Amino acid sequence: LNLLFHRVRQAFEAQKSFVADAAHELRSPLAALKLQVQGLRRAADDTAREVAISRLNAGIDRATRLVEQLLVLARQQSTSAVGAKVVPIDLTIVAQLALADVAGVALSRQIDLGLVEADQGRVLGQEEALRILIRNLLDNAIKYTPVGGTVNLAIRCRDGQARLSVDDSGPGI
């Protein structure tokens, strides 16, 4: 019973933390969208209006992506709070699912996305959390790779250790 109460308390803390984080993270994009709408209203001609509409659409896309990320985070926090179990996971399958998640974005930017090496390997973990991690790595690589570039994911297993890497043709850090 005490363990159950502890898990419920953790779930409430995670929810409270998520709400505070979400409110903080959403303030800036919403303020930016409001400014972009004002710019659209002030546009003097069709060219300026098209530029303003393009910026507004890009801002909405960024805000949508942020909301999606916050929802994924909330799901992950609630899963962790209730004590999700660590199990053996086929890393290649999870990587293929993450690649499928981002394939549309890569295609729209004409980025060559692929799994260049896929040694069979199992790791202990939480499948959904691992998928989120790989998807975030791929999202960042796609975001910072120039149009027409490449993003490659590789899984190499040596001496019982699995190594996942994401390489891209972006400018680097």
C-alpha atoms as a PDB file:
ATOM      1  CA  LEU A   1       0.000   0.000   0.000  1.00  0.00           C
ATOM      2  CA  ASN A   2       2.839   2.383   0.848  1.00  0.00           C
ATOM      3  CA  LEU A   3       4.462   1.620  -2.503  1.00  0.00           C
ATOM      4  CA  LEU A   4       1.180   2.434  -4.261  1.00  0.00           C
ATOM      5  CA  PHE A   5       0.873   5.736  -2.392  1.00  0.00           C
ATOM      6  CA  HIS A   6       4.473   6.537  -3.282  1.00  0.00           C
ATOM      7  CA  ARG A   7       3.778   5.913  -6.979  1.00  0.00           C
ATOM      8  CA  VAL A   8       0.622   8.036  -6.898  1.00  0.00           C
ATOM      9  CA  ARG A   9       2.594  10.845  -5.216  1.00  0.00           C
ATOM     10  CA  GLN A  10       5.291  10.566  -7.916  1.00  0.00           C
ATOM     11  CA  ALA A  11       2.636  10.706 -10.644  1.00  0.00           C
ATOM     12  CA  PHE A  12       1.116  13.866  -9.136  1.00  0.00           C
ATOM     13  CA  GLU A  13       4.562  15.476  -8.814  1.00  0.00           C
ATOM     14  CA  ALA A  14       5.355  14.612 -12.433  1.00  0.00           C
ATOM     15  CA  GLN A  15       2.037  16.089 -13.569  1.00  0.00           C
ATOM     16  CA  LYS A  16       2.601  19.272 -11.555  1.00  0.00           C
ATOM     17  CA  SER A  17       6.115  19.602 -12.952  1.00  0.00           C
ATOM     18  CA  PHE A  18       4.869  19.029 -16.496  1.00  0.00           C
ATOM     19  CA  VAL A  19       2.176  21.705 -16.228  1.00  0.00           C
ATOM     20  CA  ALA A  20       4.689  24.247 -14.943  1.00  0.00           C
ATOM     21  CA  ASP A  21       7.197  23.355 -17.672  1.00  0.00           C
ATOM     22  CA  ALA A  22       4.542  23.403 -20.404  1.00  0.00           C
ATOM     23  CA  ALA A  23       3.271  26.834 -19.370  1.00  0.00           C
ATOM     24  CA  HIS A  24       6.816  28.193 -19.380  1.00  0.00           C
ATOM     25  CA  GLU A  25       7.732  26.614 -22.740  1.00  0.00           C
ATOM     26  CA  LEU A  26       4.555  27.807 -24.491  1.00  0.00           C
ATOM     27  CA  ARG A  27       4.827  31.494 -23.534  1.00  0.00           C
ATOM     28  CA  SER A  28       7.564  32.372 -26.033  1.00  0.00           C
ATOM     29  CA  PRO A  29       6.091  30.663 -29.118  1.00  0.00           C
ATOM     30  CA  LEU A  30       2.664  32.163 -28.436  1.00  0.00           C
ATOM     31  CA  ALA A  31       4.156  35.644 -28.045  1.00  0.00           C
ATOM     32  CA  ALA A  32       6.050  35.138 -31.319  1.00  0.00           C
ATOM     33  CA  LEU A  33       2.854  34.052 -33.090  1.00  0.00           C
ATOM     34  CA  LYS A  34       1.066  37.151 -31.835  1.00  0.00           C
ATOM     35  CA  LEU A  35       3.853  39.358 -33.216  1.00  0.00           C
ATOM     36  CA  GLN A  36       3.690  37.554 -36.549  1.00  0.00           C
ATOM     37  CA  VAL A  37      -0.070  38.150 -36.775  1.00  0.00           C
ATOM     38  CA  GLN A  38       0.525  41.841 -36.079  1.00  0.00           C
ATOM     39  CA  GLY A  39       3.134  41.875 -38.854  1.00  0.00           C
ATOM     40  CA  LEU A  40       0.619  40.275 -41.183  1.00  0.00           C
ATOM     41  CA  ARG A  41      -1.929  42.986 -40.359  1.00  0.00           C
ATOM     42  CA  ARG A  42       0.626  45.711 -41.100  1.00  0.00           C
ATOM     43  CA  ALA A  43       1.755  44.229 -44.422  1.00  0.00           C
ATOM     44  CA  ALA A  44       1.578  46.965 -47.050  1.00  0.00           C
ATOM     45  CA  ASP A  45       1.494  44.855 -50.207  1.00  0.00           C
ATOM     46  CA  ASP A  46       1.063  41.285 -51.436  1.00  0.00           C
ATOM     47  CA  THR A  47       4.774  40.498 -51.232  1.00  0.00           C
ATOM     48  CA  ALA A  48       5.027  41.629 -47.609  1.00  0.00           C
ATOM     49  CA  ARG A  49       1.804  39.755 -46.838  1.00  0.00           C
ATOM     50  CA  GLU A  50       3.211  36.514 -48.330  1.00  0.00           C
ATOM     51  CA  VAL A  51       6.399  36.869 -46.278  1.00  0.00           C
ATOM     52  CA  ALA A  52       4.322  37.455 -43.131  1.00  0.00           C
ATOM     53  CA  ILE A  53       2.105  34.454 -43.887  1.00  0.00           C
ATOM     54  CA  SER A  54       5.170  32.283 -44.458  1.00  0.00           C
ATOM     55  CA  ARG A  55       6.643  33.366 -41.109  1.00  0.00           C
ATOM     56  CA  LEU A  56       3.318  32.772 -39.370  1.00  0.00           C
ATOM     57  CA  ASN A  57       3.087  29.269 -40.832  1.00  0.00           C
ATOM     58  CA  ALA A  58       6.649  28.502 -39.723  1.00  0.00           C
ATOM     59  CA  GLY A  59       5.806  29.775 -36.225  1.00  0.00           C
ATOM     60  CA  ILE A  60       2.705  27.602 -36.068  1.00  0.00           C
ATOM     61  CA  ASP A  61       4.759  24.593 -37.183  1.00  0.00           C
ATOM     62  CA  ARG A  62       7.307  25.266 -34.408  1.00  0.00           C
ATOM     63  CA  ALA A  63       4.563  25.661 -31.794  1.00  0.00           C
ATOM     64  CA  THR A  64       2.891  22.458 -32.996  1.00  0.00           C
ATOM     65  CA  ARG A  65       6.180  20.575 -32.718  1.00  0.00           C
ATOM     66  CA  LEU A  66       6.704  21.946 -29.213  1.00  0.00           C
ATOM     67  CA  VAL A  67       3.229  20.807 -28.128  1.00  0.00           C
ATOM     68  CA  GLU A  68       3.907  17.355 -29.591  1.00  0.00           C
ATOM     69  CA  GLN A  69       7.188  17.164 -27.681  1.00  0.00           C
ATOM     70  CA  LEU A  70       5.487  18.243 -24.451  1.00  0.00           C
ATOM     71  CA  LEU A  71       2.805  15.581 -24.884  1.00  0.00           C
ATOM     72  CA  VAL A  72       5.446  12.911 -25.469  1.00  0.00           C
ATOM     73  CA  LEU A  73       7.287  14.145 -22.384  1.00  0.00           C
ATOM     74  CA  ALA A  74       4.094  13.986 -20.325  1.00  0.00           C
ATOM     75  CA  ARG A  75       3.424  10.408 -21.443  1.00  0.00           C
ATOM     76  CA  GLN A  76       6.996   9.430 -20.676  1.00  0.00           C
ATOM     77  CA  GLN A  77       6.931  11.064 -17.243  1.00  0.00           C
ATOM     78  CA  SER A  78       3.680   9.328 -16.331  1.00  0.00           C
ATOM     79  CA  THR A  79       5.084   5.974 -17.478  1.00  0.00           C
ATOM     80  CA  SER A  80       8.240   6.496 -15.418  1.00  0.00           C
ATOM     81  CA  ALA A  81       6.239   7.659 -12.410  1.00  0.00           C
ATOM     82  CA  VAL A  82       4.254   4.430 -12.290  1.00  0.00           C
ATOM     83  CA  GLY A  83       7.417   2.355 -12.483  1.00  0.00           C
ATOM     84  CA  ALA A  84       7.743   1.169 -16.066  1.00  0.00           C
ATOM     85  CA  LYS A  85       9.874  -1.928 -16.233  1.00  0.00           C
ATOM     86  CA  VAL A  86      13.239  -2.236 -17.906  1.00  0.00           C
ATOM     87  CA  VAL A  87      13.164  -5.049 -20.460  1.00  0.00           C
ATOM     88  CA  PRO A  88      15.424  -6.394 -23.218  1.00  0.00           C
ATOM     89  CA  ILE A  89      14.805  -4.392 -26.410  1.00  0.00           C
ATOM     90  CA  ASP A  90      15.909  -5.045 -29.984  1.00  0.00           C
ATOM     91  CA  LEU A  91      17.699  -1.782 -30.753  1.00  0.00           C
ATOM     92  CA  THR A  92      17.384  -2.210 -34.526  1.00  0.00           C
ATOM     93  CA  ILE A  93      13.591  -2.436 -34.397  1.00  0.00           C
ATOM     94  CA  VAL A  94      13.326   0.659 -32.201  1.00  0.00           C
ATOM     95  CA  ALA A  95      15.711   2.542 -34.510  1.00  0.00           C
ATOM     96  CA  GLN A  96      13.643   1.561 -37.568  1.00  0.00           C
ATOM     97  CA  LEU A  97      10.480   2.857 -35.859  1.00  0.00           C
ATOM     98  CA  ALA A  98      12.216   6.162 -35.030  1.00  0.00           C
ATOM     99  CA  LEU A  99      13.434   6.452 -38.633  1.00  0.00           C
ATOM    100  CA  ALA A 100       9.873   5.931 -39.850  1.00  0.00           C
ATOM    101  CA  ASP A 101       8.685   8.667 -37.460  1.00  0.00           C
ATOM    102  CA  VAL A 102      10.982  11.288 -39.035  1.00  0.00           C
ATOM    103  CA  ALA A 103      11.017  10.066 -42.649  1.00  0.00           C
ATOM    104  CA  GLY A 104       8.374  12.583 -43.775  1.00  0.00           C
ATOM    105  CA  VAL A 105      10.327  15.560 -42.457  1.00  0.00           C
ATOM    106  CA  ALA A 106      13.537  14.297 -44.058  1.00  0.00           C
ATOM    107  CA  LEU A 107      11.757  13.752 -47.372  1.00  0.00           C
ATOM    108  CA  SER A 108      10.289  17.270 -47.312  1.00  0.00           C
ATOM    109  CA  ARG A 109      13.832  18.664 -46.902  1.00  0.00           C
ATOM    110  CA  GLN A 110      15.247  16.285 -49.544  1.00  0.00           C
ATOM    111  CA  ILE A 111      17.522  14.711 -46.950  1.00  0.00           C
ATOM    112  CA  ASP A 112      18.841  11.215 -47.571  1.00  0.00           C
ATOM    113  CA  LEU A 113      17.903   9.389 -44.357  1.00  0.00           C
ATOM    114  CA  GLY A 114      19.030   5.856 -43.715  1.00  0.00           C
ATOM    115  CA  LEU A 115      20.122   3.037 -41.484  1.00  0.00           C
ATOM    116  CA  VAL A 116      23.646   2.374 -42.772  1.00  0.00           C
ATOM    117  CA  GLU A 117      24.619  -0.392 -40.359  1.00  0.00           C
ATOM    118  CA  ALA A 118      22.334  -2.493 -38.180  1.00  0.00           C
ATOM    119  CA  ASP A 119      24.113  -5.099 -36.104  1.00  0.00           C
ATOM    120  CA  GLN A 120      21.693  -7.184 -34.084  1.00  0.00           C
ATOM    121  CA  GLY A 121      21.805  -6.002 -30.500  1.00  0.00           C
ATOM    122  CA  ARG A 122      19.611  -6.033 -27.455  1.00  0.00           C
ATOM    123  CA  VAL A 123      19.745  -3.451 -24.693  1.00  0.00           C
ATOM    124  CA  LEU A 124      17.929  -3.171 -21.397  1.00  0.00           C
ATOM    125  CA  GLY A 125      15.569  -0.220 -21.206  1.00  0.00           C
ATOM    126  CA  GLN A 126      12.122   1.201 -21.804  1.00  0.00           C
ATOM    127  CA  GLU A 127      11.196   0.904 -25.467  1.00  0.00           C
ATOM    128  CA  GLU A 128       9.170   4.108 -25.768  1.00  0.00           C
ATOM    129  CA  ALA A 129      11.805   6.183 -23.950  1.00  0.00           C
ATOM    130  CA  LEU A 130      14.503   4.802 -26.242  1.00  0.00           C
ATOM    131  CA  ARG A 131      12.391   5.541 -29.315  1.00  0.00           C
ATOM    132  CA  ILE A 132      11.902   9.138 -28.125  1.00  0.00           C
ATOM    133  CA  LEU A 133      15.644   9.503 -27.570  1.00  0.00           C
ATOM    134  CA  ILE A 134      16.530   8.221 -31.046  1.00  0.00           C
ATOM    135  CA  ARG A 135      13.792  10.322 -32.669  1.00  0.00           C
ATOM    136  CA  ASN A 136      15.106  13.461 -30.938  1.00  0.00           C
ATOM    137  CA  LEU A 137      18.638  12.743 -32.166  1.00  0.00           C
ATOM    138  CA  LEU A 138      17.311  12.272 -35.707  1.00  0.00           C
ATOM    139  CA  ASP A 139      15.091  15.382 -35.466  1.00  0.00           C
ATOM    140  CA  ASN A 140      18.072  17.511 -34.492  1.00  0.00           C
ATOM    141  CA  ALA A 141      20.247  16.048 -37.235  1.00  0.00           C
ATOM    142  CA  ILE A 142      17.541  16.720 -39.843  1.00  0.00           C
ATOM    143  CA  LYS A 143      16.905  20.219 -38.524  1.00  0.00           C
ATOM    144  CA  TYR A 144      20.555  21.255 -38.833  1.00  0.00           C
ATOM    145  CA  THR A 145      21.393  19.434 -42.064  1.00  0.00           C
ATOM    146  CA  PRO A 146      21.185  21.556 -45.209  1.00  0.00           C
ATOM    147  CA  VAL A 147      18.542  20.731 -47.811  1.00  0.00           C
ATOM    148  CA  GLY A 148      19.771  17.818 -49.911  1.00  0.00           C
ATOM    149  CA  GLY A 149      22.126  16.553 -47.172  1.00  0.00           C
ATOM    150  CA  THR A 150      22.390  13.172 -45.478  1.00  0.00           C
ATOM    151  CA  VAL A 151      21.520  11.774 -42.066  1.00  0.00           C
ATOM    152  CA  ASN A 152      22.735   8.268 -41.260  1.00  0.00           C
ATOM    153  CA  LEU A 153      21.934   6.128 -38.246  1.00  0.00           C
ATOM    154  CA  ALA A 154      24.152   3.172 -37.375  1.00  0.00           C
ATOM    155  CA  ILE A 155      23.975   0.434 -34.753  1.00  0.00           C
ATOM    156  CA  ARG A 156      27.216  -1.374 -34.088  1.00  0.00           C
ATOM    157  CA  CYS A 157      27.567  -4.172 -31.553  1.00  0.00           C
ATOM    158  CA  ARG A 158      31.045  -5.141 -30.371  1.00  0.00           C
ATOM    159  CA  ASP A 159      32.069  -7.193 -27.356  1.00  0.00           C
ATOM    160  CA  GLY A 160      28.530  -7.281 -25.976  1.00  0.00           C
ATOM    161  CA  GLN A 161      28.146  -3.502 -26.167  1.00  0.00           C
ATOM    162  CA  ALA A 162      25.693  -1.726 -28.471  1.00  0.00           C
ATOM    163  CA  ARG A 163      26.635   1.659 -29.927  1.00  0.00           C
ATOM    164  CA  LEU A 164      24.122   3.849 -31.728  1.00  0.00           C
ATOM    165  CA  SER A 165      25.343   6.822 -33.738  1.00  0.00           C
ATOM    166  CA  VAL A 166      23.705   9.513 -35.816  1.00  0.00           C
ATOM    167  CA  ASP A 167      25.901  11.220 -38.415  1.00  0.00           C
ATOM    168  CA  ASP A 168      24.808  14.086 -40.632  1.00  0.00           C
ATOM    169  CA  SER A 169      26.204  16.448 -43.237  1.00  0.00           C
ATOM    170  CA  GLY A 170      25.284  19.515 -41.210  1.00  0.00           C
ATOM    171  CA  PRO A 171      27.762  22.158 -40.008  1.00  0.00           C
ATOM    172  CA  GLY A 172      28.475  20.419 -36.682  1.00  0.00           C
ATOM    173  CA  ILE A 173      28.586  21.908 -33.229  1.00  0.00           C
END
